[in-house]
C-alpha cells in the first residue's frame, strides 16, 4: 500500500496509471486500521485514486494471503 501526499507539487498524470473507479472501501474493510486511516483522510477532504494495477495486485494478494489485511 502506498499513499502519496502532495502539498505543493501536483502529481504527474502518466505516473499515476489509469483510475480503476473503485472506492477504497471496495477492497479494504472499513473496520480495520487501514480502513480507519482512509476514512480519516476522506473526512479531511483528501482525494484518492486507486489505479487499475493496484487493484489487480491487491486482489491477487488477497487470494494468496486473505487474512493479512485484517
N, C-alpha and C. Protein backbone atom coordinates (compact mmCIF):
# COMPACT_ATOMS: atom_id res chain seq x y z
N UNK A 1 0.85 -1.17 0.00
CA UNK A 1 0.00 0.00 0.00
C UNK A 1 0.89 1.22 0.00
N UNK A 2 0.61 2.14 -0.88
CA UNK A 2 1.37 3.38 -0.97
C UNK A 2 0.40 4.54 -0.92
N UNK A 3 0.71 5.50 -0.06
CA UNK A 3 -0.07 6.73 0.00
C UNK A 3 0.87 7.87 -0.35
N UNK A 4 0.54 8.59 -1.40
CA UNK A 4 1.32 9.75 -1.80
C UNK A 4 0.58 11.00 -1.35
N UNK A 5 1.30 11.90 -0.76
CA UNK A 5 0.69 13.14 -0.30
C UNK A 5 1.38 14.30 -1.00
N UNK A 6 0.61 15.10 -1.70
CA UNK A 6 1.15 16.24 -2.42
C UNK A 6 0.66 17.51 -1.74
N UNK A 7 1.58 18.33 -1.26
CA UNK A 7 1.19 19.59 -0.64
C UNK A 7 1.34 20.76 -1.59
N UNK A 8 2.44 20.82 -2.30
CA UNK A 8 2.68 21.93 -3.22
C UNK A 8 2.75 21.45 -4.67
N UNK A 9 3.37 20.32 -4.88
CA UNK A 9 3.51 19.80 -6.24
C UNK A 9 2.24 19.09 -6.66
N UNK A 10 2.04 19.00 -7.94
CA UNK A 10 0.92 18.25 -8.49
C UNK A 10 1.44 16.92 -9.00
N UNK A 11 0.68 15.83 -8.83
CA UNK A 11 1.14 14.54 -9.34
C UNK A 11 1.18 14.54 -10.87
N UNK A 12 2.10 13.80 -11.41
CA UNK A 12 2.22 13.68 -12.87
C UNK A 12 1.27 12.58 -13.34
N UNK A 13 0.31 12.95 -14.17
CA UNK A 13 -0.72 12.01 -14.62
C UNK A 13 -0.16 10.71 -15.20
N UNK A 14 0.88 10.74 -16.07
CA UNK A 14 1.40 9.49 -16.63
C UNK A 14 1.96 8.54 -15.56
N UNK A 15 2.35 9.08 -14.42
CA UNK A 15 2.91 8.24 -13.36
C UNK A 15 1.82 7.59 -12.51
N UNK A 16 0.58 8.05 -12.63
CA UNK A 16 -0.50 7.54 -11.79
C UNK A 16 -1.13 6.27 -12.32
N UNK A 17 -1.15 6.10 -13.59
CA UNK A 17 -1.86 4.96 -14.16
C UNK A 17 -3.33 5.31 -14.37
N UNK A 18 -4.08 4.35 -14.84
CA UNK A 18 -5.49 4.55 -15.12
C UNK A 18 -6.31 4.35 -13.85
N UNK A 19 -7.25 5.24 -13.60
CA UNK A 19 -8.11 5.13 -12.43
C UNK A 19 -9.04 3.93 -12.59
N UNK A 20 -9.14 3.13 -11.56
CA UNK A 20 -9.98 1.93 -11.60
C UNK A 20 -11.44 2.25 -11.29
N UNK A 21 -11.73 3.47 -10.82
CA UNK A 21 -13.08 3.89 -10.39
C UNK A 21 -13.57 3.08 -9.19
N UNK A 22 -12.65 2.51 -8.44
CA UNK A 22 -13.00 1.80 -7.21
C UNK A 22 -12.85 2.74 -6.02
N UNK A 23 -13.72 2.58 -5.07
CA UNK A 23 -13.57 3.28 -3.79
C UNK A 23 -12.67 2.42 -2.91
N UNK A 24 -11.94 3.05 -2.01
CA UNK A 24 -11.06 2.27 -1.13
C UNK A 24 -11.87 1.24 -0.35
N UNK A 25 -13.12 1.58 -0.01
CA UNK A 25 -13.95 0.66 0.77
C UNK A 25 -14.41 -0.56 -0.03
N UNK A 26 -14.18 -0.56 -1.34
CA UNK A 26 -14.49 -1.74 -2.15
C UNK A 26 -13.48 -2.86 -1.92
N UNK A 27 -12.26 -2.51 -1.47
CA UNK A 27 -11.23 -3.54 -1.31
C UNK A 27 -10.63 -3.57 0.09
N UNK A 28 -10.95 -2.57 0.93
CA UNK A 28 -10.41 -2.53 2.30
C UNK A 28 -11.57 -2.44 3.26
N UNK A 29 -11.61 -3.32 4.26
CA UNK A 29 -12.68 -3.27 5.26
C UNK A 29 -12.58 -1.99 6.06
N UNK A 30 -13.72 -1.34 6.26
CA UNK A 30 -13.75 -0.07 6.98
C UNK A 30 -13.40 -0.24 8.46
N UNK A 31 -13.55 -1.44 9.01
CA UNK A 31 -13.29 -1.63 10.44
C UNK A 31 -11.87 -2.12 10.74
N UNK A 32 -10.94 -1.88 9.82
CA UNK A 32 -9.54 -2.22 10.04
C UNK A 32 -8.74 -0.94 10.27
N UNK A 33 -7.51 -1.08 10.70
CA UNK A 33 -6.65 0.09 10.90
C UNK A 33 -6.49 0.87 9.60
N UNK A 34 -6.26 0.18 8.52
CA UNK A 34 -6.10 0.84 7.22
C UNK A 34 -7.41 1.51 6.80
N UNK A 35 -8.51 0.84 7.04
CA UNK A 35 -9.82 1.43 6.73
C UNK A 35 -10.07 2.70 7.54
N UNK A 36 -9.69 2.68 8.81
CA UNK A 36 -9.84 3.87 9.65
C UNK A 36 -8.97 5.02 9.14
N UNK A 37 -7.77 4.70 8.67
CA UNK A 37 -6.89 5.72 8.12
C UNK A 37 -7.52 6.36 6.88
N UNK A 38 -8.01 5.55 5.96
CA UNK A 38 -8.63 6.09 4.76
C UNK A 38 -9.89 6.88 5.08
N UNK A 39 -10.68 6.42 6.04
CA UNK A 39 -11.87 7.17 6.45
C UNK A 39 -11.48 8.53 7.00
N UNK A 40 -10.42 8.56 7.82
CA UNK A 40 -9.93 9.83 8.36
C UNK A 40 -9.48 10.77 7.25
N UNK A 41 -8.69 10.24 6.31
CA UNK A 41 -8.20 11.07 5.21
C UNK A 41 -9.36 11.61 4.38
N UNK A 42 -10.38 10.79 4.19
CA UNK A 42 -11.55 11.22 3.44
C UNK A 42 -12.28 12.36 4.17
N UNK A 43 -12.39 12.24 5.49
CA UNK A 43 -13.03 13.29 6.29
C UNK A 43 -12.25 14.60 6.23
N UNK A 44 -10.95 14.50 6.04
CA UNK A 44 -10.08 15.68 5.96
C UNK A 44 -10.01 16.24 4.53
N UNK A 45 -10.90 15.77 3.66
CA UNK A 45 -11.01 16.23 2.27
C UNK A 45 -9.84 15.84 1.38
N UNK A 46 -9.13 14.78 1.73
CA UNK A 46 -8.12 14.24 0.82
C UNK A 46 -8.85 13.51 -0.30
N UNK A 47 -8.34 13.61 -1.48
CA UNK A 47 -8.90 12.84 -2.60
C UNK A 47 -8.04 11.59 -2.78
N UNK A 48 -8.63 10.59 -3.37
CA UNK A 48 -7.88 9.35 -3.59
C UNK A 48 -8.20 8.79 -4.95
N UNK A 49 -7.28 7.99 -5.44
CA UNK A 49 -7.44 7.30 -6.71
C UNK A 49 -6.75 5.95 -6.59
N UNK A 50 -7.44 4.91 -6.96
CA UNK A 50 -6.86 3.57 -6.94
C UNK A 50 -6.61 3.16 -8.39
N UNK A 51 -5.34 3.13 -8.81
CA UNK A 51 -5.04 2.74 -10.19
C UNK A 51 -5.41 1.28 -10.45
N UNK A 52 -5.68 0.95 -11.70
CA UNK A 52 -6.03 -0.42 -12.08
C UNK A 52 -5.01 -1.43 -11.58
N UNK A 53 -3.74 -1.17 -11.75
CA UNK A 53 -2.71 -2.14 -11.36
C UNK A 53 -2.73 -2.41 -9.86
N UNK A 54 -2.99 -1.38 -9.06
CA UNK A 54 -3.04 -1.56 -7.61
C UNK A 54 -4.18 -2.51 -7.25
N UNK A 55 -5.32 -2.35 -7.90
CA UNK A 55 -6.44 -3.24 -7.62
C UNK A 55 -6.09 -4.68 -7.97
N UNK A 56 -5.47 -4.88 -9.12
CA UNK A 56 -5.09 -6.23 -9.53
C UNK A 56 -4.11 -6.84 -8.53
N UNK A 57 -3.10 -6.07 -8.14
CA UNK A 57 -2.12 -6.57 -7.16
C UNK A 57 -2.79 -6.89 -5.83
N UNK A 58 -3.69 -6.03 -5.36
CA UNK A 58 -4.37 -6.25 -4.09
C UNK A 58 -5.28 -7.48 -4.17
N UNK A 59 -5.95 -7.65 -5.30
CA UNK A 59 -6.83 -8.80 -5.47
C UNK A 59 -6.03 -10.10 -5.43
N UNK A 60 -4.92 -10.14 -6.13
CA UNK A 60 -4.07 -11.33 -6.12
C UNK A 60 -3.53 -11.59 -4.71
N UNK A 61 -3.10 -10.53 -4.04
CA UNK A 61 -2.59 -10.65 -2.68
C UNK A 61 -3.67 -11.20 -1.74
N UNK A 62 -4.90 -10.71 -1.90
CA UNK A 62 -5.98 -11.17 -1.02
C UNK A 62 -6.31 -12.65 -1.25
N UNK A 63 -6.09 -13.13 -2.47
CA UNK A 63 -6.32 -14.55 -2.75
C UNK A 63 -5.23 -15.42 -2.12
N UNK A 64 -3.99 -14.91 -2.17
CA UNK A 64 -2.87 -15.69 -1.64
C UNK A 64 -2.75 -15.60 -0.12
N UNK A 65 -3.03 -14.44 0.43
CA UNK A 65 -2.88 -14.20 1.87
C UNK A 65 -4.12 -13.48 2.40
N UNK A 66 -5.27 -14.17 2.44
CA UNK A 66 -6.53 -13.49 2.75
C UNK A 66 -6.62 -12.87 4.15
N UNK A 67 -5.87 -13.35 5.13
CA UNK A 67 -6.01 -12.83 6.49
C UNK A 67 -5.03 -11.72 6.79
N UNK A 68 -4.12 -11.44 5.87
CA UNK A 68 -3.12 -10.41 6.13
C UNK A 68 -3.72 -9.01 6.17
N UNK A 69 -4.87 -8.78 5.56
CA UNK A 69 -5.49 -7.45 5.53
C UNK A 69 -6.23 -7.15 6.84
N UNK A 70 -6.55 -8.16 7.60
CA UNK A 70 -7.34 -7.96 8.82
C UNK A 70 -6.54 -7.33 9.93
